[in-house]
Amino acid sequence: MTLLLSLLLLASPESERMLLGPSPFFRHEGMVRAVRAGDRDLLERAAQSPRWDSRRMAALGLESQTPASLLRDPVAVVREAALAGLDIAAPERDLLELIKDPDDAVRARAAWALRGSRQRSAARKLFNDPSPSVRLAAFAGAGDFARLRTAATKGDLATSVGAFRALGAAGSATDASFLLSRLGRALKAVAKEPMPLYLRDKPGPELALARAVGDCARRGIAPGGRDVAVYLRRMLDNKKLSGNEIILLAEAVAGAQDL
């Protein structure tokens, strides 16, 4: 019975009409349905659509199975989505071309994907890029975590947040220790002068720190292993924090407990 239902879902003409149809709203819903059903064939057909948003959504849904041809799509957001899906699985030849892309987001994604390449040093070409997000991705792509640590502590808010996120997603055990110490200092400062960490729509560095610690813990490189969760939980229990602060710490605790 389960197999029959699965086959019906995969063959759903409604999902096909939605994903390949004329309405952007229904194309998005069709992609969601195709992903839920595991309908790779439909997503691969969407990747050939003349509509750029269908190609972009197909790349997001296919992830590591995204056709490499979308890396050369004429629309920048499609190239970015294809890079996000393929990540380190993207062909080196394409990555070396895409770090020269005119679009900031595409260059950043390409630099980030180079971290898994034998040509990762090519990311150094973007160290002086005019876009801060591209520079941070280039530091991570080239494995220059010393520059990321400097950016995390000496940059403006947007730069420090981006650097913390990159360290959590790609840094080493040394960077996990660095993040943990910075989070401790940040929360001590909050305890002395209570103020919400969400002061604007963008997350503050403390939020990025907590998430980065959780990311490190999920990757199994945080110092002390499960002790990271204990450390964060102690802060969660002992500090007088606002609702958003509780949420960010709880996310980090959950990440550490995933070990």
C-alpha atoms as a PDB file:
ATOM      1  CA  MET A   1       0.000   0.000   0.000  1.00  0.00           C
ATOM      2  CA  THR A   2       2.817   2.397   0.932  1.00  0.00           C
ATOM      3  CA  LEU A   3       4.600   1.631  -2.354  1.00  0.00           C
ATOM      4  CA  LEU A   4       1.397   2.280  -4.330  1.00  0.00           C
ATOM      5  CA  LEU A   5       0.893   5.659  -2.647  1.00  0.00           C
ATOM      6  CA  SER A   6       4.509   6.538  -3.345  1.00  0.00           C
ATOM      7  CA  LEU A   7       4.088   5.723  -7.026  1.00  0.00           C
ATOM      8  CA  LEU A   8       0.924   7.800  -7.202  1.00  0.00           C
ATOM      9  CA  LEU A   9       2.721  10.750  -5.648  1.00  0.00           C
ATOM     10  CA  LEU A  10       5.640  10.445  -8.053  1.00  0.00           C
ATOM     11  CA  ALA A  11       3.283  10.315 -11.010  1.00  0.00           C
ATOM     12  CA  SER A  12       1.020  13.123  -9.771  1.00  0.00           C
ATOM     13  CA  PRO A  13      -0.092  15.176 -12.800  1.00  0.00           C
ATOM     14  CA  GLU A  14      -1.169  17.944 -10.414  1.00  0.00           C
ATOM     15  CA  SER A  15       2.403  18.397  -9.141  1.00  0.00           C
ATOM     16  CA  GLU A  16       3.639  18.466 -12.727  1.00  0.00           C
ATOM     17  CA  ARG A  17       1.084  21.080 -13.788  1.00  0.00           C
ATOM     18  CA  MET A  18       2.011  23.231 -10.801  1.00  0.00           C
ATOM     19  CA  LEU A  19       5.789  23.002 -11.133  1.00  0.00           C
ATOM     20  CA  LEU A  20       5.840  23.482 -14.904  1.00  0.00           C
ATOM     21  CA  GLY A  21       2.847  25.824 -15.135  1.00  0.00           C
ATOM     22  CA  PRO A  22       2.546  29.605 -15.728  1.00  0.00           C
ATOM     23  CA  SER A  23       1.945  30.767 -12.133  1.00  0.00           C
ATOM     24  CA  PRO A  24       5.025  31.556  -9.961  1.00  0.00           C
ATOM     25  CA  PHE A  25       3.055  30.764  -6.800  1.00  0.00           C
ATOM     26  CA  PHE A  26       1.972  27.351  -8.065  1.00  0.00           C
ATOM     27  CA  ARG A  27       5.426  26.611  -9.465  1.00  0.00           C
ATOM     28  CA  HIS A  28       6.816  27.051  -5.958  1.00  0.00           C
ATOM     29  CA  GLU A  29       4.123  24.803  -4.491  1.00  0.00           C
ATOM     30  CA  GLY A  30       4.798  22.242  -7.195  1.00  0.00           C
ATOM     31  CA  MET A  31       8.492  22.215  -6.283  1.00  0.00           C
ATOM     32  CA  VAL A  32       7.647  21.655  -2.611  1.00  0.00           C
ATOM     33  CA  ARG A  33       5.428  18.722  -3.548  1.00  0.00           C
ATOM     34  CA  ALA A  34       8.027  17.244  -5.886  1.00  0.00           C
ATOM     35  CA  VAL A  35      10.692  17.433  -3.166  1.00  0.00           C
ATOM     36  CA  ARG A  36       8.383  15.813  -0.606  1.00  0.00           C
ATOM     37  CA  ALA A  37       7.565  13.021  -3.037  1.00  0.00           C
ATOM     38  CA  GLY A  38      11.195  12.540  -4.024  1.00  0.00           C
ATOM     39  CA  ASP A  39      10.223  13.122  -7.659  1.00  0.00           C
ATOM     40  CA  ARG A  40      13.690  13.691  -9.114  1.00  0.00           C
ATOM     41  CA  ASP A  41      12.450  13.157 -12.672  1.00  0.00           C
ATOM     42  CA  LEU A  42      10.006  16.060 -12.404  1.00  0.00           C
ATOM     43  CA  LEU A  43      12.625  18.344 -10.835  1.00  0.00           C
ATOM     44  CA  GLU A  44      15.103  17.445 -13.564  1.00  0.00           C
ATOM     45  CA  ARG A  45      12.513  18.403 -16.178  1.00  0.00           C
ATOM     46  CA  ALA A  46      11.909  21.665 -14.327  1.00  0.00           C
ATOM     47  CA  ALA A  47      15.656  22.306 -14.565  1.00  0.00           C
ATOM     48  CA  GLN A  48      15.170  22.462 -18.363  1.00  0.00           C
ATOM     49  CA  SER A  49      12.248  24.913 -18.116  1.00  0.00           C
ATOM     50  CA  PRO A  50      12.387  28.172 -20.111  1.00  0.00           C
ATOM     51  CA  ARG A  51      11.272  29.949 -16.902  1.00  0.00           C
ATOM     52  CA  TRP A  52      14.204  30.983 -14.730  1.00  0.00           C
ATOM     53  CA  ASP A  53      12.343  30.579 -11.426  1.00  0.00           C
ATOM     54  CA  SER A  54      11.483  26.961 -12.281  1.00  0.00           C
ATOM     55  CA  ARG A  55      15.153  26.289 -13.013  1.00  0.00           C
ATOM     56  CA  ARG A  56      16.151  27.980  -9.763  1.00  0.00           C
ATOM     57  CA  MET A  57      13.630  25.985  -7.712  1.00  0.00           C
ATOM     58  CA  ALA A  58      14.703  22.785  -9.415  1.00  0.00           C
ATOM     59  CA  ALA A  59      18.312  23.467  -8.396  1.00  0.00           C
ATOM     60  CA  LEU A  60      17.231  24.066  -4.813  1.00  0.00           C
ATOM     61  CA  GLY A  61      15.209  20.854  -4.802  1.00  0.00           C
ATOM     62  CA  LEU A  62      17.811  18.663  -6.523  1.00  0.00           C
ATOM     63  CA  GLU A  63      20.681  19.836  -4.305  1.00  0.00           C
ATOM     64  CA  SER A  64      23.748  17.642  -4.966  1.00  0.00           C
ATOM     65  CA  GLN A  65      22.023  16.144  -8.029  1.00  0.00           C
ATOM     66  CA  THR A  66      21.606  19.556  -9.675  1.00  0.00           C
ATOM     67  CA  PRO A  67      22.696  19.434 -13.349  1.00  0.00           C
ATOM     68  CA  ALA A  68      26.083  21.142 -13.716  1.00  0.00           C
ATOM     69  CA  SER A  69      24.670  22.926 -16.769  1.00  0.00           C
ATOM     70  CA  LEU A  70      22.781  25.268 -14.419  1.00  0.00           C
ATOM     71  CA  LEU A  71      26.119  26.626 -13.213  1.00  0.00           C
ATOM     72  CA  ARG A  72      26.302  28.304 -16.628  1.00  0.00           C
ATOM     73  CA  ASP A  73      22.690  29.556 -16.621  1.00  0.00           C
ATOM     74  CA  PRO A  74      22.249  33.101 -18.004  1.00  0.00           C
ATOM     75  CA  VAL A  75      20.341  34.154 -14.833  1.00  0.00           C
ATOM     76  CA  ALA A  76      22.513  34.879 -11.785  1.00  0.00           C
ATOM     77  CA  VAL A  77      20.077  33.588  -9.147  1.00  0.00           C
ATOM     78  CA  VAL A  78      19.912  30.252 -10.974  1.00  0.00           C
ATOM     79  CA  ARG A  79      23.707  30.000 -10.999  1.00  0.00           C
ATOM     80  CA  GLU A  80      23.730  30.818  -7.291  1.00  0.00           C
ATOM     81  CA  ALA A  81      21.080  28.160  -6.535  1.00  0.00           C
ATOM     82  CA  ALA A  82      23.008  25.579  -8.543  1.00  0.00           C
ATOM     83  CA  LEU A  83      26.172  26.400  -6.592  1.00  0.00           C
ATOM     84  CA  ALA A  84      24.270  26.161  -3.311  1.00  0.00           C
ATOM     85  CA  GLY A  85      22.977  22.733  -4.292  1.00  0.00           C
ATOM     86  CA  LEU A  86      26.192  21.287  -5.653  1.00  0.00           C
ATOM     87  CA  ASP A  87      28.535  23.067  -3.218  1.00  0.00           C
ATOM     88  CA  ILE A  88      31.848  21.157  -3.031  1.00  0.00           C
ATOM     89  CA  ALA A  89      30.548  18.700  -5.657  1.00  0.00           C
ATOM     90  CA  ALA A  90      30.608  21.438  -8.296  1.00  0.00           C
ATOM     91  CA  PRO A  91      33.228  20.810 -11.016  1.00  0.00           C
ATOM     92  CA  GLU A  92      36.486  22.659 -10.333  1.00  0.00           C
ATOM     93  CA  ARG A  93      36.542  24.049 -13.870  1.00  0.00           C
ATOM     94  CA  ASP A  94      33.195  25.756 -13.300  1.00  0.00           C
ATOM     95  CA  LEU A  95      34.192  27.071  -9.881  1.00  0.00           C
ATOM     96  CA  LEU A  96      37.348  28.658 -11.285  1.00  0.00           C
ATOM     97  CA  GLU A  97      35.178  30.465 -13.844  1.00  0.00           C
ATOM     98  CA  LEU A  98      32.428  31.436 -11.400  1.00  0.00           C
ATOM     99  CA  ILE A  99      34.786  33.192  -8.975  1.00  0.00           C
ATOM    100  CA  LYS A 100      35.031  35.766 -11.785  1.00  0.00           C
ATOM    101  CA  ASP A 101      31.236  36.091 -12.105  1.00  0.00           C
ATOM    102  CA  PRO A 102      29.864  39.669 -12.174  1.00  0.00           C
ATOM    103  CA  ASP A 103      27.273  38.786  -9.507  1.00  0.00           C
ATOM    104  CA  ASP A 104      28.431  39.091  -5.862  1.00  0.00           C
ATOM    105  CA  ALA A 105      26.290  36.210  -4.581  1.00  0.00           C
ATOM    106  CA  VAL A 106      27.571  33.864  -7.290  1.00  0.00           C
ATOM    107  CA  ARG A 107      31.212  34.748  -6.601  1.00  0.00           C
ATOM    108  CA  ALA A 108      30.654  34.168  -2.881  1.00  0.00           C
ATOM    109  CA  ARG A 109      29.041  30.759  -3.456  1.00  0.00           C
ATOM    110  CA  ALA A 110      31.827  29.732  -5.820  1.00  0.00           C
ATOM    111  CA  ALA A 111      34.522  30.799  -3.348  1.00  0.00           C
ATOM    112  CA  TRP A 112      32.753  28.901  -0.556  1.00  0.00           C
ATOM    113  CA  ALA A 113      32.522  25.745  -2.682  1.00  0.00           C
ATOM    114  CA  LEU A 114      36.267  25.871  -3.363  1.00  0.00           C
ATOM    115  CA  ARG A 115      36.953  24.810   0.236  1.00  0.00           C
ATOM    116  CA  GLY A 116      36.522  21.198  -0.904  1.00  0.00           C
ATOM    117  CA  SER A 117      38.655  21.574  -4.019  1.00  0.00           C
ATOM    118  CA  ARG A 118      42.292  20.890  -4.807  1.00  0.00           C
ATOM    119  CA  GLN A 119      42.242  24.407  -6.257  1.00  0.00           C
ATOM    120  CA  ARG A 120      41.077  26.063  -3.036  1.00  0.00           C
ATOM    121  CA  SER A 121      43.991  28.510  -3.158  1.00  0.00           C
ATOM    122  CA  ALA A 122      42.237  30.100  -6.162  1.00  0.00           C
ATOM    123  CA  ALA A 123      39.842  31.686  -3.657  1.00  0.00           C
ATOM    124  CA  ARG A 124      42.712  33.994  -2.626  1.00  0.00           C
ATOM    125  CA  LYS A 125      42.040  35.993  -5.776  1.00  0.00           C
ATOM    126  CA  LEU A 126      38.922  37.305  -4.019  1.00  0.00           C
ATOM    127  CA  PHE A 127      40.593  38.400  -0.770  1.00  0.00           C
ATOM    128  CA  ASN A 128      40.326  42.046  -1.899  1.00  0.00           C
ATOM    129  CA  ASP A 129      36.915  41.749  -3.514  1.00  0.00           C
ATOM    130  CA  PRO A 130      34.745  44.863  -3.055  1.00  0.00           C
ATOM    131  CA  SER A 131      31.937  42.724  -1.559  1.00  0.00           C
ATOM    132  CA  PRO A 132      32.390  41.836   2.160  1.00  0.00           C
ATOM    133  CA  SER A 133      30.379  38.623   1.751  1.00  0.00           C
ATOM    134  CA  VAL A 134      32.622  37.522  -1.129  1.00  0.00           C
ATOM    135  CA  ARG A 135      35.749  38.246   0.898  1.00  0.00           C
ATOM    136  CA  LEU A 136      34.475  36.177   3.839  1.00  0.00           C
ATOM    137  CA  ALA A 137      33.570  33.278   1.551  1.00  0.00           C
ATOM    138  CA  ALA A 138      37.013  33.537  -0.021  1.00  0.00           C
ATOM    139  CA  PHE A 139      38.703  33.333   3.403  1.00  0.00           C
ATOM    140  CA  ALA A 140      36.707  30.179   4.171  1.00  0.00           C
ATOM    141  CA  GLY A 141      37.219  28.743   0.699  1.00  0.00           C
ATOM    142  CA  ALA A 142      40.973  29.197   0.930  1.00  0.00           C
ATOM    143  CA  GLY A 143      41.048  27.842   4.499  1.00  0.00           C
ATOM    144  CA  ASP A 144      42.363  31.127   5.901  1.00  0.00           C
ATOM    145  CA  PHE A 145      40.530  30.980   9.226  1.00  0.00           C
ATOM    146  CA  ALA A 146      42.932  33.449  10.852  1.00  0.00           C
ATOM    147  CA  ARG A 147      41.491  36.150   8.586  1.00  0.00           C
ATOM    148  CA  LEU A 148      37.972  35.028   9.473  1.00  0.00           C
ATOM    149  CA  ARG A 149      38.720  35.275  13.196  1.00  0.00           C
ATOM    150  CA  THR A 150      40.045  38.801  12.662  1.00  0.00           C
ATOM    151  CA  ALA A 151      36.940  39.737  10.660  1.00  0.00           C
ATOM    152  CA  ALA A 152      34.723  38.297  13.404  1.00  0.00           C
ATOM    153  CA  THR A 153      36.181  40.608  16.039  1.00  0.00           C
ATOM    154  CA  LYS A 154      37.210  43.726  14.122  1.00  0.00           C
ATOM    155  CA  GLY A 155      34.635  44.063  11.393  1.00  0.00           C
ATOM    156  CA  ASP A 156      31.297  45.859  11.333  1.00  0.00           C
ATOM    157  CA  LEU A 157      28.137  44.038  12.432  1.00  0.00           C
ATOM    158  CA  ALA A 158      27.382  42.430   9.057  1.00  0.00           C
ATOM    159  CA  THR A 159      30.987  41.336   8.595  1.00  0.00           C
ATOM    160  CA  SER A 160      31.352  39.898  12.087  1.00  0.00           C
ATOM    161  CA  VAL A 161      28.086  37.961  11.776  1.00  0.00           C
ATOM    162  CA  GLY A 162      29.148  36.523   8.415  1.00  0.00           C
ATOM    163  CA  ALA A 163      32.564  35.587   9.789  1.00  0.00           C
ATOM    164  CA  PHE A 164      31.065  33.797  12.797  1.00  0.00           C
ATOM    165  CA  ARG A 165      28.739  31.827  10.524  1.00  0.00           C
ATOM    166  CA  ALA A 166      31.622  30.822   8.247  1.00  0.00           C
ATOM    167  CA  LEU A 167      33.744  29.707  11.205  1.00  0.00           C
ATOM    168  CA  GLY A 168      30.914  27.579  12.546  1.00  0.00           C
ATOM    169  CA  ALA A 169      30.270  25.955   9.171  1.00  0.00           C
ATOM    170  CA  ALA A 170      33.858  25.354   8.069  1.00  0.00           C
ATOM    171  CA  GLY A 171      36.260  26.097  10.930  1.00  0.00           C
ATOM    172  CA  SER A 172      38.425  23.742  12.963  1.00  0.00           C
ATOM    173  CA  ALA A 173      38.534  22.763  16.629  1.00  0.00           C
ATOM    174  CA  THR A 174      40.689  25.854  17.221  1.00  0.00           C
ATOM    175  CA  ASP A 175      37.902  27.974  15.805  1.00  0.00           C
ATOM    176  CA  ALA A 176      35.351  26.163  17.963  1.00  0.00           C
ATOM    177  CA  SER A 177      37.354  27.154  21.047  1.00  0.00           C
ATOM    178  CA  PHE A 178      37.511  30.735  19.751  1.00  0.00           C
ATOM    179  CA  LEU A 179      33.754  30.837  19.185  1.00  0.00           C
ATOM    180  CA  LEU A 180      33.023  29.403  22.602  1.00  0.00           C
ATOM    181  CA  SER A 181      35.167  31.995  24.341  1.00  0.00           C
ATOM    182  CA  ARG A 182      33.596  34.831  22.360  1.00  0.00           C
ATOM    183  CA  LEU A 183      30.100  33.605  23.182  1.00  0.00           C
ATOM    184  CA  GLY A 184      30.969  33.517  26.871  1.00  0.00           C
ATOM    185  CA  ARG A 185      32.172  37.123  26.751  1.00  0.00           C
ATOM    186  CA  ALA A 186      29.160  38.278  24.773  1.00  0.00           C
ATOM    187  CA  LEU A 187      26.666  36.766  27.201  1.00  0.00           C
ATOM    188  CA  LYS A 188      28.522  38.128  30.217  1.00  0.00           C
ATOM    189  CA  ALA A 189      28.205  41.575  28.667  1.00  0.00           C
ATOM    190  CA  VAL A 190      24.491  40.986  28.113  1.00  0.00           C
ATOM    191  CA  ALA A 191      24.076  39.967  31.760  1.00  0.00           C
ATOM    192  CA  LYS A 192      25.714  43.216  32.954  1.00  0.00           C
ATOM    193  CA  GLU A 193      23.673  45.429  30.680  1.00  0.00           C
ATOM    194  CA  PRO A 194      20.472  43.594  29.707  1.00  0.00           C
ATOM    195  CA  MET A 195      19.339  44.430  26.221  1.00  0.00           C
ATOM    196  CA  PRO A 196      17.688  42.360  23.487  1.00  0.00           C
ATOM    197  CA  LEU A 197      20.046  40.658  21.081  1.00  0.00           C
ATOM    198  CA  TYR A 198      17.568  41.213  18.274  1.00  0.00           C
ATOM    199  CA  LEU A 199      17.907  44.982  17.987  1.00  0.00           C
ATOM    200  CA  ARG A 200      17.056  44.986  14.288  1.00  0.00           C
ATOM    201  CA  ASP A 201      15.869  42.621  11.573  1.00  0.00           C
ATOM    202  CA  LYS A 202      19.411  41.342  11.100  1.00  0.00           C
ATOM    203  CA  PRO A 203      20.787  38.944  13.701  1.00  0.00           C
ATOM    204  CA  GLY A 204      23.453  40.382  15.975  1.00  0.00           C
ATOM    205  CA  PRO A 205      26.873  38.813  16.465  1.00  0.00           C
ATOM    206  CA  GLU A 206      25.730  37.024  19.636  1.00  0.00           C
ATOM    207  CA  LEU A 207      23.061  35.179  17.658  1.00  0.00           C
ATOM    208  CA  ALA A 208      25.587  34.249  14.995  1.00  0.00           C
ATOM    209  CA  LEU A 209      27.985  33.093  17.699  1.00  0.00           C
ATOM    210  CA  ALA A 210      25.454  30.787  19.298  1.00  0.00           C
ATOM    211  CA  ARG A 211      24.467  29.300  15.968  1.00  0.00           C
ATOM    212  CA  ALA A 212      28.111  28.885  14.993  1.00  0.00           C
ATOM    213  CA  VAL A 213      28.836  27.005  18.228  1.00  0.00           C
ATOM    214  CA  GLY A 214      25.891  24.735  17.475  1.00  0.00           C
ATOM    215  CA  ASP A 215      27.177  24.199  13.924  1.00  0.00           C
ATOM    216  CA  CYS A 216      30.614  23.242  15.248  1.00  0.00           C
ATOM    217  CA  ALA A 217      29.059  20.832  17.717  1.00  0.00           C
ATOM    218  CA  ARG A 218      26.958  19.186  14.998  1.00  0.00           C
ATOM    219  CA  ARG A 219      30.144  18.606  13.031  1.00  0.00           C
ATOM    220  CA  GLY A 220      31.715  16.922  16.041  1.00  0.00           C
ATOM    221  CA  ILE A 221      34.637  19.318  16.407  1.00  0.00           C
ATOM    222  CA  ALA A 222      33.574  21.466  19.358  1.00  0.00           C
ATOM    223  CA  PRO A 223      36.037  21.232  22.299  1.00  0.00           C
ATOM    224  CA  GLY A 224      34.784  18.910  24.993  1.00  0.00           C
ATOM    225  CA  GLY A 225      32.068  17.392  22.803  1.00  0.00           C
ATOM    226  CA  ARG A 226      28.872  17.265  24.829  1.00  0.00           C
ATOM    227  CA  ASP A 227      30.408  19.652  27.351  1.00  0.00           C
ATOM    228  CA  VAL A 228      29.559  22.383  24.869  1.00  0.00           C
ATOM    229  CA  ALA A 229      25.864  21.655  25.349  1.00  0.00           C
ATOM    230  CA  VAL A 230      26.323  21.692  29.129  1.00  0.00           C
ATOM    231  CA  TYR A 231      28.141  25.033  28.943  1.00  0.00           C
ATOM    232  CA  LEU A 232      25.437  26.625  26.820  1.00  0.00           C
ATOM    233  CA  ARG A 233      22.628  25.130  28.879  1.00  0.00           C
ATOM    234  CA  ARG A 234      24.179  26.545  32.047  1.00  0.00           C
ATOM    235  CA  MET A 235      24.066  29.982  30.460  1.00  0.00           C
ATOM    236  CA  LEU A 236      20.506  29.362  29.348  1.00  0.00           C
ATOM    237  CA  ASP A 237      19.484  28.453  32.898  1.00  0.00           C
ATOM    238  CA  ASN A 238      21.424  31.107  34.806  1.00  0.00           C
ATOM    239  CA  LYS A 239      21.019  34.256  32.733  1.00  0.00           C
ATOM    240  CA  LYS A 240      18.026  36.539  32.695  1.00  0.00           C
ATOM    241  CA  LEU A 241      17.506  36.479  28.971  1.00  0.00           C
ATOM    242  CA  SER A 242      14.786  37.725  26.645  1.00  0.00           C
ATOM    243  CA  GLY A 243      12.687  35.452  24.461  1.00  0.00           C
ATOM    244  CA  ASN A 244      14.926  35.788  21.400  1.00  0.00           C
ATOM    245  CA  GLU A 245      18.048  35.194  23.461  1.00  0.00           C
ATOM    246  CA  ILE A 246      16.514  32.006  24.852  1.00  0.00           C
ATOM    247  CA  ILE A 247      15.711  30.839  21.332  1.00  0.00           C
ATOM    248  CA  LEU A 248      19.230  31.394  20.018  1.00  0.00           C
ATOM    249  CA  LEU A 249      20.825  29.606  22.973  1.00  0.00           C
ATOM    250  CA  ALA A 250      18.342  26.757  22.756  1.00  0.00           C
ATOM    251  CA  GLU A 251      19.275  26.309  19.068  1.00  0.00           C
ATOM    252  CA  ALA A 252      22.942  26.111  19.992  1.00  0.00           C
ATOM    253  CA  VAL A 253      22.244  23.631  22.804  1.00  0.00           C
ATOM    254  CA  ALA A 254      20.232  21.465  20.390  1.00  0.00           C
ATOM    255  CA  GLY A 255      23.113  21.555  17.917  1.00  0.00           C
ATOM    256  CA  ALA A 256      25.604  20.471  20.538  1.00  0.00           C
ATOM    257  CA  GLN A 257      23.328  17.682  21.723  1.00  0.00           C
ATOM    258  CA  ASP A 258      23.148  16.282  18.181  1.00  0.00           C
ATOM    259  CA  LEU A 259      26.648  14.847  18.650  1.00  0.00           C
END
